[in-house]
Protein backbone atom coordinates (compact mmCIF):
# COMPACT_ATOMS: atom_id res chain seq x y z
CA TRP A 1 104.14 54.37 88.60
CA LEU A 2 106.93 57.08 90.54
CA ALA A 3 104.52 56.87 93.65
CA GLU A 4 105.80 52.95 93.71
CA LEU A 5 108.87 53.94 92.17
CA LEU A 6 109.82 56.18 94.90
CA ASN A 7 107.58 53.80 97.92
CA ASP A 8 106.10 57.13 98.84
CA GLU A 9 101.86 56.88 98.05
CA ASP A 10 102.08 60.86 98.58
CA LEU A 11 103.42 61.57 95.60
CA THR A 12 100.75 60.98 93.46
CA TYR A 13 99.30 64.11 93.81
CA LEU A 14 101.68 65.97 91.82
CA PHE A 15 100.41 64.18 88.37
CA GLU A 16 96.80 65.22 89.25
CA ASN A 17 95.43 66.86 86.29
CA GLU A 18 99.34 67.19 84.52
CA ARG A 19 97.67 66.81 81.26
CA GLU A 20 94.75 69.57 81.71
CA ILE A 21 97.49 72.04 82.61
CA ASP A 22 99.42 74.79 80.75
CA ILE A 23 101.38 76.90 82.33
CA SER A 24 103.11 78.30 78.92
CA ASP A 25 101.28 81.55 78.66
CA VAL A 26 101.15 81.99 82.29
CA HIS A 27 103.14 85.58 83.74
CA THR A 28 103.60 86.31 86.88
CA LYS A 29 104.38 89.51 88.47
CA TYR A 30 106.94 89.95 91.70
CA LYS A 31 107.70 93.31 92.65
CA ASP A 32 108.76 95.25 88.95
CA TYR A 33 110.26 91.42 87.72
CA ILE A 34 107.91 89.37 85.55
CA LEU A 35 108.35 85.56 85.14
CA GLU A 36 107.06 83.25 82.54
CA GLY A 37 105.45 79.38 83.25
CA LEU A 38 105.17 79.32 87.16
CA ASP A 39 102.96 76.74 88.66
CA SER A 40 100.39 78.14 91.18
CA ILE A 41 102.20 76.41 93.61
CA CYS A 42 105.22 78.26 93.21
CA GLN A 43 103.44 81.67 92.16
CA GLY A 44 102.23 81.44 95.54
CA GLU A 45 105.52 80.77 97.24
CA LEU A 46 107.27 83.81 94.73
CA HIS A 47 104.68 86.10 97.82
CA ALA A 48 104.87 84.17 100.83
CA GLY A 49 107.95 86.02 101.81
CA PHE A 50 110.50 82.56 102.64
CA TYR A 51 113.62 83.86 102.22
CA GLN A 52 113.17 87.36 103.74
CA MET A 53 112.52 85.54 107.38
CA ARG A 54 115.00 86.98 109.77
CA TYR A 55 117.90 83.77 110.07
CA MET A 56 117.34 83.42 106.17
CA SER A 57 117.78 86.87 104.82
CA GLN A 58 120.01 87.30 102.37
CA LYS A 59 122.00 91.09 102.24
CA ARG A 60 123.27 93.16 99.79
CA GLY A 61 126.79 91.56 98.04
CA ASP A 62 126.19 87.82 99.22
CA VAL A 63 126.81 85.07 97.29
CA VAL A 64 123.73 82.53 96.66
CA PHE A 65 123.89 79.16 95.87
CA ASP A 66 120.19 78.69 94.63
CA ILE A 67 120.16 74.20 94.02
CA GLY A 68 117.24 73.40 92.14
CA ALA A 69 116.00 76.46 90.78
CA TYR A 70 113.32 75.46 88.31
CA LYS A 71 112.46 78.49 86.20
CA GLY A 72 114.04 81.29 88.30
CA ASP A 73 111.23 82.27 91.14
CA THR A 74 113.98 81.89 93.75
CA ALA A 75 116.63 83.36 91.60
CA ILE A 76 114.57 86.36 91.05
CA ILE A 77 113.88 86.79 94.84
CA PHE A 78 117.63 86.20 96.20
CA ALA A 79 118.94 88.57 93.02
CA ASP A 80 116.63 91.01 94.23
CA LEU A 81 117.99 90.81 97.69
CA VAL A 82 121.61 90.40 97.14
CA GLY A 83 121.63 93.60 94.31
CA LYS A 84 124.44 93.99 91.81
CA LYS A 85 127.64 93.64 94.00
CA GLY A 86 125.96 89.87 94.62
CA LYS A 87 125.95 86.94 92.88
CA VAL A 88 123.41 84.00 92.33
CA TYR A 89 124.60 80.44 91.10
CA SER A 90 121.24 78.96 90.08
CA PHE A 91 121.94 74.95 89.32
CA GLU A 92 118.94 73.38 87.45
CA PRO A 93 119.39 69.77 85.65
CA VAL A 94 116.00 69.58 83.36
CA LYS A 95 116.54 71.10 80.20
CA ALA A 96 112.91 72.51 79.87
CA ASN A 97 113.28 74.38 83.30
CA TYR A 98 116.84 75.42 82.76
CA ASP A 99 115.43 77.19 79.16
CA ASP A 100 112.74 78.72 81.07
CA LEU A 101 114.99 80.14 83.52
CA LEU A 102 117.58 81.49 81.04
CA ARG A 103 114.35 83.25 79.52
CA ASN A 104 113.05 84.72 82.87
CA VAL A 105 116.54 85.75 83.83
CA LYS A 106 116.93 87.36 80.44
CA ALA A 107 113.52 89.02 80.28
CA ASN A 108 114.03 91.02 83.27
CA GLY A 109 118.05 92.03 82.98
CA LEU A 110 119.70 90.50 85.96
CA GLU A 111 122.62 88.55 83.65
CA ASP A 112 125.04 90.40 85.72
CA ILE A 113 123.86 88.89 88.90
CA VAL A 114 122.14 85.95 88.26
CA VAL A 115 124.32 82.53 86.58
CA PRO A 116 122.12 79.95 85.38
CA ILE A 117 123.87 76.47 85.12
CA ASN A 118 122.47 73.54 83.06
CA LYS A 119 123.42 70.82 85.92
CA GLY A 120 122.21 69.33 89.87
CA CYS A 121 123.94 68.93 92.26
CA SER A 122 125.30 65.12 94.07
CA ASP A 123 127.59 63.41 96.19
CA LYS A 124 129.99 62.88 92.77
CA SER A 125 129.98 65.12 89.91
CA GLY A 126 128.66 62.98 86.43
CA VAL A 127 125.53 62.38 84.89
CA LEU A 128 122.27 61.01 86.44
CA ARG A 129 118.41 60.29 84.71
CA ALA A 130 115.75 62.57 85.39
CA ILE A 131 112.06 62.03 85.88
CA SER A 132 110.00 64.93 84.88
CA ALA A 133 107.33 66.11 82.89
CA LYS A 134 108.69 66.88 79.23
CA SER A 135 107.36 70.82 79.23
CA GLY A 136 109.73 70.89 83.02
CA ALA A 137 108.03 70.67 86.62
CA PRO A 138 109.28 72.25 89.85
CA TRP A 139 109.34 68.80 90.84
CA ALA A 140 112.32 66.13 89.37
CA PHE A 141 113.70 63.37 90.93
CA LEU A 142 117.16 62.21 89.83
CA SER A 143 119.05 58.42 89.64
CA GLU A 144 121.38 56.23 88.42
CA ASP A 145 119.10 54.55 86.10
CA GLU A 146 115.48 55.62 85.95
CA GLY A 147 113.73 58.94 83.98
CA ASN A 148 113.56 60.36 80.60
CA GLU A 149 115.91 62.95 80.60
CA THR A 150 120.18 62.36 81.01
CA VAL A 151 121.06 65.21 83.04
CA GLN A 152 124.85 66.04 84.06
CA VAL A 153 125.40 66.54 88.17
CA THR A 154 128.73 67.85 89.97
CA THR A 155 129.05 68.42 93.53
CA ILE A 156 129.18 72.11 95.13
CA ASP A 157 132.84 71.39 96.13
CA ASP A 158 133.72 70.65 92.76
CA PHE A 159 132.00 73.55 91.40
CA VAL A 160 133.50 76.04 94.31
CA GLU A 161 137.16 74.53 93.56
CA SER A 162 136.48 74.84 89.80
CA ASN A 163 135.45 78.51 89.93
CA ASN A 164 137.77 80.02 92.52
CA ASN A 165 135.12 80.74 94.40
CA ASN A 166 135.98 82.71 97.65
CA ARG A 167 132.72 82.79 99.70
CA VAL A 168 129.39 81.58 99.67
CA ASP A 169 127.17 83.19 102.25
CA PHE A 170 123.60 81.36 101.68
CA MET A 171 122.46 78.02 99.92
CA LYS A 172 119.07 76.84 99.32
CA MET A 173 118.17 73.24 97.91
CA ASP A 174 114.86 72.00 96.62
CA VAL A 175 116.35 68.81 95.35
CA GLU A 176 113.45 66.41 95.98
CA GLY A 177 114.82 63.81 98.26
CA MET A 178 119.23 64.25 97.39
CA GLU A 179 119.68 66.37 100.23
CA TYR A 180 121.70 63.97 101.82
CA GLU A 181 123.77 63.66 98.64
CA VAL A 182 124.17 67.41 97.98
CA ILE A 183 125.23 68.51 101.44
CA SER A 184 127.89 65.25 100.65
CA GLY A 185 129.17 66.98 97.94
CA ALA A 186 128.95 70.44 99.65
CA ARG A 187 131.13 69.05 102.76
CA LYS A 188 134.33 71.10 102.71
CA THR A 189 132.09 74.07 101.04
CA ILE A 190 129.73 74.31 104.26
CA GLU A 191 133.03 73.77 106.27
CA ARG A 192 135.08 76.43 105.19
CA PHE A 193 132.23 79.66 104.46
CA ARG A 194 129.68 77.90 106.94
CA PRO A 195 126.23 79.46 105.12
CA LYS A 196 123.36 80.06 106.04
CA MET A 197 121.08 76.62 104.49
CA VAL A 198 117.39 76.94 103.64
CA ILE A 199 116.47 73.27 102.64
CA PRO A 200 112.25 72.92 102.01
CA LEU A 201 110.86 69.43 102.60
């Protein structure tokens, strides 16, 4: 039904055997960090080194916007790279994912680096609906009227202005087809700070 709704038959693989998978007790080790609840695909991505590639890597002290944070896998990677002088703002709209994000950040003692934000990002601030699994999932699709959960959204420009951010060095967007909306809502921030940007497709 989601594939039909979004007119993309390739999305059906996301739901195969969904009811048979229980990731609540799965522990994933990354360096000296432990994360709970990651699915097997995100476990593999965690160790793939995508964000250490030459033109995408963050450095000590960087300010990172982690847009579509899931349960904190990329937040942990970014926090490790930017260190105690850096900051990682992790946006996750789905409540189940956000709760696990909070737990993973706290369990690894990264509260001074990672700032979890229970909001999605779009081209305007407000409220949308999210389509996702009840227990959280690495995918979540936002729309104005379809979904099983109401979520808050903000624009990056609104967030930067309201929080008086004076730098943004790196932006990662894993937003399931909402790239245009997120970038539109970050136009001023991108023009002002010229951050490195990584957008998984």
